[in-house]
Structure formats: C-alpha cells, structure tokens
Amino acid sequence: MTRRSRPLPITRRTFLQGVSAAALLAACSGGEGSSPQSAAPTEGAPEERFTDPATQLSGDLRLLMWSHFVPAHDEWFDTFAQEWGERVGVNVTVDHIDVTTIPARISSEIGSGEGHDLIEMIATLSQFEPSVYSMNDLMDEANSRFGTQLELCQKSSFNPTTENYYAYAPAWSPDPGDYRKSLWEEAGLPDGPSTWDELLEGGGRIFSEQDIQMGLGMSQEIDSNMYARALMWSFGGAEQDESETVTLMSDQTIAAVEYAKELFDAAMTEEVFAWNPASNNEGLIAGQLSYILNSISAWRTAQESIPDIAKDVFFVPALEGPERQLAAQHVMYNWITPKFSQNFDAAQEFLLHYTENLPRVAYESKLYDFPGYPDQVPDLDGWLDEDPFTIEGDDSTKLQPLKNAVDWSTNLGYPGPASPAIGEINNIFILPNMLARVARGNQEPEQSVEQAHQECEEIFEKWRREGLVGGG
C-alpha cells in the first residue's frame, strides 16, 4: 500500500479557536497550583466519611499530584484534603503539575532529599522502590478496613521479590476504546469494533472514505504505552512471564508489531509519532479521530464544550485478539512517600481517609476513577448503568461496557508483577518505540523486537543485581 501523507488537520492553535480554551486546558494540561479553588457542593454526591486517626497528628503534609483530566475532581480534592488537615491538626498543601513531569520531579526531590511528603502518579512507580517508605503496614490496615483489594491494583504496587508494597494503589481507571458512532455506522460497524481485525477493517474504511484517521499513539507518552501493551497481549506476547523472565522476543510479539505497521498504513498519519498525553483527547473532541484508547475524560470535556461530539462518542471494551482480550489500565494511582519525609504517619492516615471516601472520589471524578477496593463503592454499577452526569439528548447508558472492565484489564508487566524493571521500561517507552521503528519503515519487525528484547534484558539484569527483580 502506498503511504499517504495526510496531516491531521488540527493544530493546538486552531483547535483552541474552535473549542473552549478553558475547558481544553483544564482537561488536558495543568500547572502547579498555590491555593485550591472552593468547590461548590455537588448535588447527589455521596456523603464524606471520617474516622479519627489512630495517633495524634501534627506538622505539615505536602502533596504532589497530577492535574486530573476531569478538572472538577481537583477542585473538590484540594478542599477535601485541607478540610481533613484542619480536622486532625495537620497543615495540608496540594500542588498539581502536568503528569508528564512527575517522574522527573520525583527523581529531583529524591536526589535533593527534600520536597513533598506524599506523591501521586498515574502509573506504577516501582522504579523508586529503594527510595520510598514501605506501605506494608498501611496495606494491612486498608485490607482490614475496606475488604479485598483488586488483584490489578495489588500487582501494580507490590514487589513479590522483596515482599514489599512500594506504593499504595487505592484507585484506577479503565482504558476502553472511545469511538465516534456516526463514523463507524458508515463503515458498517454501528457498535464499534470488537476485535483488532475489525479495527483495521473499519478504521481503514473510515480513513479512506471519510478522511478521518484513528488515534493510537506510537510516541513517548502514557497512552502509547497502553496501546502497545494491549496490542501485544492480545496477540499473545508479553515483556515477561510470571517468574519475571524476559519473553518479549516471540512470534506473537512480532505478529503484533506487523499488525501495528498495517494499521498505521491503513488508518493513521505521522502525527502519532509525536503525540503527548492530551493529543488523542484533543483530536477526538475536535471531531478529527474515529477511535482512541483512553479513559472517558475526552468525552466528559466534550459534554461541556462540544455536546454534539459528546453525543456521538461511545465506548467498547478491550479488543479481542488472536490469543486474548486484554488491555492495560488507563490510570493506576500509585501513592508514594519518599524516605526524606518527616510525616509518614500523616501521609498514611490521609490515604486511609481518601480510601474511605472512594465513593466521593468516583463521583467527583465523574466516574473517571474506579475503586481499588470495590466493596467501598457499591453504587458504581448503578452509576454506569445510568450515568448521573449525562447531558440532555445523550445516551445515559453508554458507560455500561465499563461495568466488567476489571475482567479485561490487567497490570503493567502482565502476567508478572509491575516490578522496578517494568517501571523503568514503561518510563522510557521501550514498547512504543518498538512499534514506531517498524511503522516508520526504519526496521523490520523481527529486528525491532530483538532490539527491544535486549533493552529489556539489560534493565532486568540491572534490577536483579539490586535484588529487586526475580527470574533469570
């Protein structure tokens, strides 16, 4: 097939001219804030709960976290955290920064030995295990209070080699397919794609006949990592096995890379090699993408800024592949406390308070955040059946495909744990780079997989020498 150079007809400047700039910037980026906005009470929201801390607390608790893609969450959270601090005698401050800068910020603070007491990231932070407090005692208490934690969250925060919880993972977000129903109806698939074959067939037709590409990144950003893993797993490949032995070089992984090249040629353009985490959100709500792998945040933004687009966005579960139907979580909340912190007691008590209020977390995030302790949010299925935030004229049942998301979602590093090696592989984007080299014609599939396999081996061996990864 001849490659077509058909640039995505959107730039950040022209997009901001056509969409509410405030809505877009709030949803897709964010800077560090100095003071929280006052959040108005949310009608119908679950009541906040409070349990007295086990010990007397005092001092400062400095939180660093991402700027949530649903801005209403942060407005609520900042007030929620500060009110808890006032109640227990702790001075709480919350800083929000762009998610892409958090790993470097953590490294900088650990290197300097000062900074925030409690840090939240939306992917595994296992690579920082040597420099953070163990969350084992916190996990014992949380499991005692809140029931069984999802295996997905447990495997995303626990290192079986060291028997250590390097992070606390109380919540997560699924990674469904977001598709434009009207475009897929014209391609003969009104319910969207259900398999990778249908994605290729339908996405190719939409690009060819309707001039709308799909948005699956092969760049150095989080959504590209999730695309690469979902594709690889569905074809039967994996970075490692259950015993933490590198297994990337396989016929199954090669087949997945070959498919990615075919899909790119049929339905995408060069822009996907330079995307950031907001690019697929922006393109979808601007009406320029037929399908993305993402959470529900782009759709929520469109509800406010472009309701006609929002009404046309629907969701499908993980796509069925030759071997399985599986996707990574879109977001896995990892909370860590660096060892330089002088207020680990307050950090742990706040996380217990946060977990106790997971119903409010889910609600204030407009169902973006799912509970790692599902017993805590018994209303979730009802909200997914009948979206409490639906807009006039939209289908209030369109979130129902997410009800069984835990069945088709798994942790980074599947079928093994999210070890420090997996954290590093994720952080330096080995898998998206593996796809991109072939899609761009720079390497043959087998060569690219072999290079990625060797890169993984070197990382695993480094962490084995540190005693933090098993296998061999």
Protein backbone atom coordinates (compact mmCIF):
# COMPACT_ATOMS: atom_id res chain seq x y z
CA MET A 1 0.00 0.00 0.00
CA THR A 2 1.29 3.46 -0.85
CA ARG A 3 1.81 5.68 2.20
CA ARG A 4 -0.30 8.77 2.15
CA SER A 5 0.94 11.95 3.75
CA ARG A 6 -2.29 13.34 5.11
CA PRO A 7 -1.58 15.58 8.08
CA LEU A 8 -4.14 15.61 10.84
CA PRO A 9 -5.97 18.86 10.08
CA ILE A 10 -5.65 20.30 13.55
CA THR A 11 -3.10 22.29 15.48
CA ARG A 12 -3.25 23.33 19.08
CA ARG A 13 -3.83 26.92 17.98
CA THR A 14 -6.67 26.20 15.57
CA PHE A 15 -8.19 23.72 17.96
CA LEU A 16 -8.31 26.29 20.74
CA GLN A 17 -10.06 28.65 18.38
CA GLY A 18 -12.84 26.10 17.81
CA VAL A 19 -13.21 24.73 21.31
CA SER A 20 -13.48 26.35 24.69
CA ALA A 21 -9.88 27.04 25.60
CA ALA A 22 -10.63 26.94 29.29
CA ALA A 23 -12.25 23.52 29.05
CA LEU A 24 -9.46 22.05 26.97
CA LEU A 25 -6.59 23.39 29.02
CA ALA A 26 -8.21 22.34 32.26
CA ALA A 27 -8.85 18.84 30.96
CA CYS A 28 -5.62 18.17 29.11
CA SER A 29 -2.87 20.01 30.97
CA GLY A 30 -2.12 21.73 34.21
CA GLY A 31 0.42 23.62 36.20
CA GLU A 32 1.43 23.68 39.82
CA GLY A 33 -1.12 25.48 41.93
CA SER A 34 -0.62 27.51 45.05
CA SER A 35 -4.11 27.54 46.50
CA PRO A 36 -7.20 25.45 45.97
CA GLN A 37 -10.40 26.76 44.49
CA SER A 38 -13.51 26.48 46.61
CA ALA A 39 -15.57 23.57 45.34
CA ALA A 40 -19.31 24.00 45.46
CA PRO A 41 -21.28 21.10 46.93
CA THR A 42 -22.17 18.53 44.30
CA GLU A 43 -25.83 17.61 44.19
CA GLY A 44 -26.34 13.89 44.64
CA ALA A 45 -22.74 13.27 45.74
CA PRO A 46 -22.09 10.60 48.39
CA GLU A 47 -21.58 11.94 51.88
CA GLU A 48 -17.98 12.25 53.00
CA ARG A 49 -16.91 9.97 55.83
CA PHE A 50 -14.39 10.48 58.61
CA THR A 51 -12.59 8.17 61.03
CA ASP A 52 -10.33 9.52 63.77
CA PRO A 53 -6.63 8.85 63.14
CA ALA A 54 -5.01 6.15 65.23
CA THR A 55 -2.37 8.58 66.55
CA GLN A 56 -2.14 12.29 67.25
CA LEU A 57 -1.04 14.08 64.09
CA SER A 58 0.67 17.43 63.55
CA GLY A 59 3.05 19.26 61.26
CA ASP A 60 2.94 19.76 57.52
CA LEU A 61 1.77 17.35 54.83
CA ARG A 62 2.78 18.40 51.33
CA LEU A 63 1.02 16.59 48.47
CA LEU A 64 2.14 16.49 44.84
CA MET A 65 -0.21 15.05 42.24
CA TRP A 66 -1.18 15.27 38.61
CA SER A 67 -3.66 17.76 37.22
CA HIS A 68 -6.66 15.49 36.77
CA PHE A 69 -8.18 15.25 33.29
CA VAL A 70 -11.57 15.93 34.92
CA PRO A 71 -10.94 19.36 36.47
CA ALA A 72 -13.92 19.13 38.83
CA HIS A 73 -12.05 16.40 40.70
CA ASP A 74 -9.18 18.69 41.65
CA GLU A 75 -11.49 21.47 42.79
CA TRP A 76 -13.13 19.00 45.14
CA PHE A 77 -9.94 17.20 46.20
CA ASP A 78 -7.99 20.25 47.29
CA THR A 79 -10.76 21.34 49.64
CA PHE A 80 -11.28 17.73 50.79
CA ALA A 81 -7.60 17.37 51.72
CA GLN A 82 -7.33 20.72 53.50
CA GLU A 83 -10.52 20.18 55.49
CA TRP A 84 -9.19 16.82 56.67
CA GLY A 85 -5.97 18.53 57.72
CA GLU A 86 -7.82 21.18 59.69
CA ARG A 87 -9.80 18.47 61.45
CA VAL A 88 -6.76 16.44 62.52
CA GLY A 89 -4.26 19.25 63.16
CA VAL A 90 -2.13 18.93 60.02
CA ASN A 91 -1.28 21.76 57.63
CA VAL A 92 -2.06 20.24 54.21
CA THR A 93 -0.92 21.80 50.94
CA VAL A 94 -1.62 20.36 47.48
CA ASP A 95 0.37 21.04 44.32
CA HIS A 96 -0.84 19.87 40.90
CA ILE A 97 1.56 19.57 37.95
CA ASP A 98 1.44 18.17 34.45
CA VAL A 99 1.52 14.39 34.57
CA THR A 100 4.43 14.15 32.13
CA THR A 101 6.71 15.97 34.57
CA ILE A 102 6.01 13.91 37.68
CA PRO A 103 8.66 11.13 37.30
CA ALA A 104 11.41 13.70 36.75
CA ARG A 105 10.11 15.75 39.69
CA ILE A 106 10.22 12.68 41.93
CA SER A 107 13.80 11.95 40.87
CA SER A 108 14.77 15.54 41.57
CA GLU A 109 13.20 15.60 45.03
CA ILE A 110 14.70 12.24 46.00
CA GLY A 111 18.08 13.43 44.75
CA SER A 112 17.91 16.61 46.81
CA GLY A 113 16.44 14.89 49.86
CA GLU A 114 13.58 17.32 50.22
CA GLY A 115 10.19 18.05 48.73
CA HIS A 116 6.71 16.57 49.03
CA ASP A 117 5.62 14.05 51.66
CA LEU A 118 3.05 12.26 49.53
CA ILE A 119 3.23 11.96 45.75
CA GLU A 120 0.64 10.56 43.36
CA MET A 121 1.36 9.25 39.87
CA ILE A 122 -1.00 7.60 37.38
CA ALA A 123 1.32 4.68 36.56
CA THR A 124 3.48 2.30 38.52
CA LEU A 125 6.36 3.93 40.40
CA SER A 126 8.19 0.70 41.15
CA GLN A 127 11.49 2.12 39.89
CA PHE A 128 11.59 4.31 43.02
CA GLU A 129 11.22 1.42 45.49
CA PRO A 130 14.67 1.85 47.11
CA SER A 131 13.92 5.48 47.94
CA VAL A 132 10.39 5.32 49.40
CA TYR A 133 8.74 4.07 52.58
CA SER A 134 7.20 0.62 52.60
CA MET A 135 3.41 0.69 52.53
CA ASN A 136 3.07 -2.80 54.05
CA ASP A 137 1.56 -1.64 57.34
CA LEU A 138 -0.81 0.69 55.51
CA MET A 139 -1.92 -2.18 53.28
CA ASP A 140 -2.63 -4.38 56.28
CA GLU A 141 -4.84 -1.69 57.78
CA ALA A 142 -6.56 -0.87 54.47
CA ASN A 143 -7.35 -4.51 53.76
CA SER A 144 -8.71 -4.89 57.26
CA ARG A 145 -10.98 -1.86 56.90
CA PHE A 146 -12.02 -1.94 53.27
CA GLY A 147 -12.07 -5.57 52.16
CA THR A 148 -10.18 -7.25 49.34
CA GLN A 149 -8.10 -5.07 47.05
CA LEU A 150 -8.32 -5.79 43.32
CA GLU A 151 -5.50 -8.03 42.12
CA LEU A 152 -4.95 -5.47 39.37
CA CYS A 153 -4.07 -2.83 41.97
CA GLN A 154 -2.15 -5.22 44.19
CA LYS A 155 0.10 -6.32 41.32
CA SER A 156 0.66 -2.68 40.41
CA SER A 157 2.08 -1.73 43.79
CA PHE A 158 3.69 -4.90 45.23
CA ASN A 159 7.10 -6.41 44.57
CA PRO A 160 6.98 -10.18 45.25
CA THR A 161 10.77 -10.43 45.21
CA THR A 162 11.13 -8.07 48.17
CA GLU A 163 7.65 -8.81 49.57
CA ASN A 164 7.15 -5.07 49.73
CA TYR A 165 4.39 -2.65 48.80
CA TYR A 166 6.44 0.20 47.35
CA ALA A 167 3.26 2.20 46.66
CA TYR A 168 -0.38 2.36 47.65
CA ALA A 169 -2.92 1.86 44.84
CA PRO A 170 -6.46 2.62 46.05
CA ALA A 171 -7.96 3.56 42.67
CA TRP A 172 -7.58 3.09 38.93
CA SER A 173 -9.21 3.92 35.58
CA PRO A 174 -10.11 1.55 32.73
CA ASP A 175 -8.81 2.01 29.19
CA PRO A 176 -11.74 1.35 26.83
CA GLY A 177 -11.94 2.17 23.17
CA ASP A 178 -13.60 5.55 22.54
CA TYR A 179 -15.21 5.70 19.10
CA ARG A 180 -17.36 8.03 17.00
CA LYS A 181 -20.57 6.11 16.39
CA SER A 182 -21.63 8.01 13.25
CA LEU A 183 -18.31 7.26 11.54
CA TRP A 184 -18.39 3.57 12.37
CA GLU A 185 -22.03 3.27 11.28
CA GLU A 186 -20.99 4.33 7.78
CA ALA A 187 -18.24 1.70 7.91
CA GLY A 188 -20.80 -1.00 8.72
CA LEU A 189 -19.93 -1.34 12.41
CA PRO A 190 -22.50 0.75 14.32
CA ASP A 191 -21.48 -0.75 17.66
CA GLY A 192 -17.81 -0.02 17.04
CA PRO A 193 -15.02 -2.57 16.66
CA SER A 194 -14.91 -5.61 18.91
CA THR A 195 -11.72 -7.19 17.52
CA TRP A 196 -8.38 -5.95 16.25
CA ASP A 197 -9.36 -7.25 12.79
CA GLU A 198 -12.50 -5.09 12.85
CA LEU A 199 -10.44 -2.11 13.98
CA LEU A 200 -8.20 -2.50 10.96
CA GLU A 201 -11.04 -3.07 8.54
CA GLY A 202 -13.36 -0.36 9.83
CA GLY A 203 -10.67 2.16 10.68
CA GLY A 204 -9.15 1.77 7.23
CA ARG A 205 -12.51 2.33 5.56
CA ILE A 206 -13.21 5.44 7.63
CA PHE A 207 -9.81 6.93 6.77
CA SER A 208 -10.18 6.09 3.10
CA GLU A 209 -13.83 7.07 2.62
CA GLN A 210 -14.43 9.72 5.31
CA ASP A 211 -10.95 11.23 5.65
CA ILE A 212 -10.86 10.71 9.43
CA GLN A 213 -7.89 8.89 10.93
CA MET A 214 -7.72 6.98 14.19
CA GLY A 215 -5.60 7.98 17.15
CA LEU A 216 -3.31 5.27 18.53
CA GLY A 217 -0.02 6.85 19.51
CA MET A 218 3.45 5.48 19.00
CA SER A 219 5.16 8.23 20.92
CA GLN A 220 6.88 8.73 24.26
CA GLU A 221 3.74 9.21 26.34
CA ILE A 222 1.46 7.14 28.54
CA ASP A 223 -1.33 6.35 26.05
CA SER A 224 1.22 4.97 23.59
CA ASN A 225 2.47 2.63 26.29
CA MET A 226 -1.06 1.37 26.86
CA TYR A 227 -1.73 0.82 23.15
CA ALA A 228 1.50 -1.15 22.73
CA ARG A 229 0.71 -3.41 25.67
CA ALA A 230 -2.93 -4.06 24.78
CA LEU A 231 -1.93 -5.00 21.25
CA MET A 232 0.99 -7.18 22.34
CA TRP A 233 -1.01 -9.06 24.97
CA SER A 234 -3.95 -9.62 22.62
CA PHE A 235 -1.60 -11.28 20.15
CA GLY A 236 -0.10 -13.47 22.89
CA GLY A 237 3.13 -11.57 23.55
CA ALA A 238 4.47 -10.22 26.85
CA GLU A 239 7.53 -8.48 28.28
CA GLN A 240 7.99 -11.17 30.92
CA ASP A 241 6.49 -14.36 32.26
CA GLU A 242 5.11 -14.96 35.76
CA SER A 243 8.61 -15.69 37.09
CA GLU A 244 9.97 -12.35 35.75
CA THR A 245 11.98 -13.80 32.88
CA VAL A 246 12.06 -11.57 29.79
CA THR A 247 9.96 -13.12 26.99
CA LEU A 248 9.47 -10.22 24.58
CA MET A 249 11.17 -11.87 21.60
CA SER A 250 8.47 -14.20 20.31
CA ASP A 251 6.46 -14.92 17.18
CA GLN A 252 3.44 -13.43 18.93
CA THR A 253 5.14 -10.10 19.63
CA ILE A 254 6.45 -9.96 16.07
CA ALA A 255 2.92 -10.55 14.77
CA ALA A 256 1.64 -7.67 16.93
CA VAL A 257 4.32 -5.34 15.55
CA GLU A 258 3.45 -6.36 12.00
CA TYR A 259 -0.19 -5.59 12.71
CA ALA A 260 0.72 -2.15 14.11
CA LYS A 261 2.51 -1.34 10.86
CA GLU A 262 -0.50 -2.46 8.80
CA LEU A 263 -2.90 -0.43 10.95
CA PHE A 264 -0.72 2.67 10.70
CA ASP A 265 -0.52 2.40 6.91
CA ALA A 266 -4.28 1.93 6.63
CA ALA A 267 -5.63 4.44 9.11
CA MET A 268 -3.12 6.88 10.63
CA THR A 269 -0.64 9.64 9.82
CA GLU A 270 2.78 10.72 11.05
CA GLU A 271 1.37 12.84 13.88
CA VAL A 272 1.01 9.78 16.11
CA PHE A 273 4.82 9.62 16.45
CA ALA A 274 4.94 12.98 18.25
CA TRP A 275 1.82 12.95 20.41
CA ASN A 276 1.60 13.95 24.05
CA PRO A 277 -0.93 12.57 26.55
CA ALA A 278 -3.55 15.15 25.53
CA SER A 279 -3.28 14.67 21.76
CA ASN A 280 -5.81 11.89 21.36
CA ASN A 281 -8.22 13.69 23.70
CA GLU A 282 -7.90 16.86 21.67
CA GLY A 283 -8.33 15.11 18.35
CA LEU A 284 -11.40 13.15 19.44
CA ILE A 285 -13.32 16.11 20.79
CA ALA A 286 -12.32 18.20 17.78
CA GLY A 287 -14.03 15.60 15.57
CA GLN A 288 -10.78 14.54 13.89
CA LEU A 289 -10.35 10.97 15.18
CA SER A 290 -12.53 7.90 14.72
CA TYR A 291 -11.17 5.76 17.60
CA ILE A 292 -8.78 6.17 20.50
CA LEU A 293 -7.70 4.12 23.51
CA ASN A 294 -8.34 6.30 26.51
CA SER A 295 -10.44 6.84 29.58
CA ILE A 296 -13.68 8.81 29.49
CA SER A 297 -12.08 12.22 30.05
CA ALA A 298 -12.21 13.45 26.44
CA TRP A 299 -15.92 12.66 26.31
CA ARG A 300 -16.52 14.45 29.60
CA THR A 301 -14.74 17.52 28.24
CA ALA A 302 -16.81 17.41 25.07
CA GLN A 303 -20.03 17.28 27.11
CA GLU A 304 -19.32 20.83 28.21
CA SER A 305 -17.54 22.28 25.17
CA ILE A 306 -18.93 20.42 22.12
CA PRO A 307 -22.04 18.47 23.17
CA ASP A 308 -22.80 17.25 19.64
CA ILE A 309 -19.45 15.46 19.56
CA ALA A 310 -20.03 14.07 23.07
CA LYS A 311 -23.32 12.54 21.99
CA ASP A 312 -21.50 10.74 19.17
CA VAL A 313 -18.78 9.23 21.38
CA PHE A 314 -19.38 5.67 22.60
CA PHE A 315 -17.22 3.04 24.28
CA VAL A 316 -16.13 -0.55 23.65
CA PRO A 317 -14.22 -2.97 25.89
CA ALA A 318 -10.72 -4.23 25.13
CA LEU A 319 -10.50 -5.63 21.61
CA GLU A 320 -10.37 -9.37 21.04
CA GLY A 321 -7.10 -10.56 19.53
CA PRO A 322 -5.81 -13.86 18.20
CA GLU A 323 -4.96 -15.01 21.74
CA ARG A 324 -6.93 -12.95 24.28
CA GLN A 325 -8.98 -9.85 25.04
CA LEU A 326 -6.93 -7.67 27.36
CA ALA A 327 -5.93 -4.06 27.98
CA ALA A 328 -3.78 -2.26 30.49
CA GLN A 329 -5.41 0.02 32.99
CA HIS A 330 -5.50 3.57 31.69
CA VAL A 331 -4.55 5.03 35.06
CA MET A 332 -3.16 3.21 38.07
CA TYR A 333 -2.85 5.52 41.04
CA ASN A 334 0.43 4.94 42.84
CA TRP A 335 0.92 6.99 46.01
CA ILE A 336 4.44 7.02 47.46
CA THR A 337 6.19 8.71 50.38
CA PRO A 338 9.92 9.41 49.89
CA LYS A 339 12.15 8.44 52.77
CA PHE A 340 13.10 12.06 53.38
CA SER A 341 9.55 12.82 54.56
CA GLN A 342 9.17 13.63 58.25
CA ASN A 343 5.42 13.00 58.33
CA PHE A 344 4.80 9.46 57.13
CA ASP A 345 2.17 8.96 59.85
CA ALA A 346 0.03 11.78 58.44
CA ALA A 347 0.57 10.51 54.89
CA GLN A 348 -0.75 7.06 55.80
CA GLU A 349 -3.73 8.45 57.71
CA PHE A 350 -4.66 10.69 54.81
CA LEU A 351 -4.58 7.75 52.39
CA LEU A 352 -6.90 5.80 54.68
CA HIS A 353 -9.24 8.79 54.75
CA TYR A 354 -9.07 9.03 50.96
CA THR A 355 -9.85 5.32 50.60
CA GLU A 356 -12.76 5.58 53.00
CA ASN A 357 -14.17 8.20 50.64
CA LEU A 358 -13.72 6.33 47.36
CA PRO A 359 -17.46 6.76 46.63
CA ARG A 360 -16.92 10.52 46.61
CA VAL A 361 -13.70 10.13 44.59
CA ALA A 362 -15.56 8.23 41.88
CA TYR A 363 -18.40 10.73 41.86
CA GLU A 364 -16.28 13.89 41.84
CA SER A 365 -14.16 12.48 39.00
CA LYS A 366 -17.40 11.92 37.07
CA LEU A 367 -16.74 8.16 37.09
CA TYR A 368 -13.21 8.51 35.71
CA ASP A 369 -11.73 6.97 38.88
CA PHE A 370 -12.69 3.40 39.78
CA PRO A 371 -12.14 1.89 43.24
CA GLY A 372 -9.27 -0.46 44.00
CA TYR A 373 -11.49 -1.60 46.86
CA PRO A 374 -14.76 -2.27 45.01
CA ASP A 375 -16.75 -3.01 48.17
CA GLN A 376 -16.31 0.65 49.06
CA VAL A 377 -18.37 1.86 46.09
CA PRO A 378 -21.50 -0.31 45.83
CA ASP A 379 -23.24 2.34 43.71
CA LEU A 380 -20.69 2.19 40.88
CA ASP A 381 -22.57 -0.30 38.70
CA GLY A 382 -25.76 1.71 39.08
CA TRP A 383 -23.97 4.89 38.01
CA LEU A 384 -22.53 3.08 34.98
CA ASP A 385 -25.98 1.76 34.10
CA GLU A 386 -27.46 5.26 34.27
CA ASP A 387 -24.82 7.97 34.09
CA PRO A 388 -25.65 10.70 36.66
CA PHE A 389 -23.72 13.24 34.59
CA THR A 390 -25.41 12.63 31.24
CA ILE A 391 -26.34 15.68 29.18
CA GLU A 392 -29.66 16.33 27.52
CA GLY A 393 -30.08 14.28 24.38
CA ASP A 394 -27.27 11.85 25.13
CA ASP A 395 -27.49 8.11 25.83
CA SER A 396 -27.25 7.72 29.60
CA THR A 397 -26.34 4.01 29.28
CA LYS A 398 -23.19 4.38 27.20
CA LEU A 399 -20.87 3.61 30.14
CA GLN A 400 -22.29 0.12 30.61
CA PRO A 401 -19.35 -1.52 28.74
CA LEU A 402 -17.15 -0.43 31.65
CA LYS A 403 -19.08 -2.46 34.23
CA ASN A 404 -16.91 -5.52 33.64
CA ALA A 405 -13.72 -3.54 32.96
CA VAL A 406 -11.82 -5.40 35.66
CA ASP A 407 -12.30 -8.62 33.65
CA TRP A 408 -10.44 -7.25 30.61
CA SER A 409 -7.92 -5.02 32.40
CA THR A 410 -4.56 -6.00 33.83
CA ASN A 411 -1.40 -4.56 35.34
CA LEU A 412 1.74 -3.39 33.61
CA GLY A 413 4.07 -6.37 33.46
CA TYR A 414 1.33 -8.96 32.95
CA PRO A 415 1.48 -11.90 33.55
CA GLY A 416 4.12 -10.97 36.14
CA PRO A 417 4.24 -8.06 38.57
CA ALA A 418 4.89 -4.38 37.94
CA SER A 419 8.45 -4.63 39.19
CA PRO A 420 11.10 -1.88 39.14
CA ALA A 421 12.24 -3.24 35.79
CA ILE A 422 8.73 -2.90 34.34
CA GLY A 423 8.50 0.60 35.83
CA GLU A 424 11.68 1.63 34.04
CA ILE A 425 10.62 0.01 30.75
CA ASN A 426 7.37 1.91 30.96
CA ASN A 427 9.08 5.18 31.86
CA ILE A 428 11.49 5.13 28.90
CA PHE A 429 8.87 3.88 26.39
CA ILE A 430 10.60 0.81 25.03
CA LEU A 431 7.38 -0.74 23.67
CA PRO A 432 6.02 2.31 21.76
CA ASN A 433 9.48 2.82 20.29
CA MET A 434 9.46 -0.83 19.18
CA LEU A 435 6.22 -0.24 17.25
CA ALA A 436 7.27 3.13 15.87
CA ARG A 437 10.55 1.93 14.35
CA VAL A 438 8.65 -0.55 12.20
CA ALA A 439 5.67 1.67 11.40
CA ARG A 440 8.07 4.34 10.11
CA GLY A 441 9.96 1.83 8.00
CA ASN A 442 13.21 2.13 9.95
CA GLN A 443 13.43 -1.55 10.94
CA GLU A 444 11.89 -4.89 10.11
CA PRO A 445 9.58 -6.31 12.79
CA GLU A 446 11.94 -9.05 13.95
CA GLN A 447 14.84 -6.60 14.25
CA SER A 448 12.83 -4.12 16.27
CA VAL A 449 11.51 -6.77 18.66
CA GLU A 450 15.01 -8.16 19.11
CA GLN A 451 16.32 -4.68 19.97
CA ALA A 452 13.51 -4.09 22.47
CA HIS A 453 14.08 -7.54 23.98
CA GLN A 454 17.75 -6.78 24.52
CA GLU A 455 16.92 -3.42 26.10
CA CYS A 456 14.54 -5.18 28.48
CA GLU A 457 17.13 -7.82 29.36
CA GLU A 458 19.65 -5.14 30.31
CA ILE A 459 17.12 -3.37 32.53
CA PHE A 460 16.02 -6.59 34.21
CA GLU A 461 19.61 -7.62 34.86
CA LYS A 462 20.40 -4.23 36.43
CA TRP A 463 17.50 -4.57 38.86
CA ARG A 464 18.33 -8.22 39.61
CA ARG A 465 21.76 -7.10 40.76
CA GLU A 466 19.95 -4.79 43.17
CA GLY A 467 17.92 -7.73 44.49
CA LEU A 468 14.62 -6.14 43.36
CA VAL A 469 13.61 -8.42 40.46
CA GLY A 470 13.30 -12.21 40.32
CA GLY A 471 13.67 -14.59 37.40
CA GLY A 472 16.82 -15.03 35.37
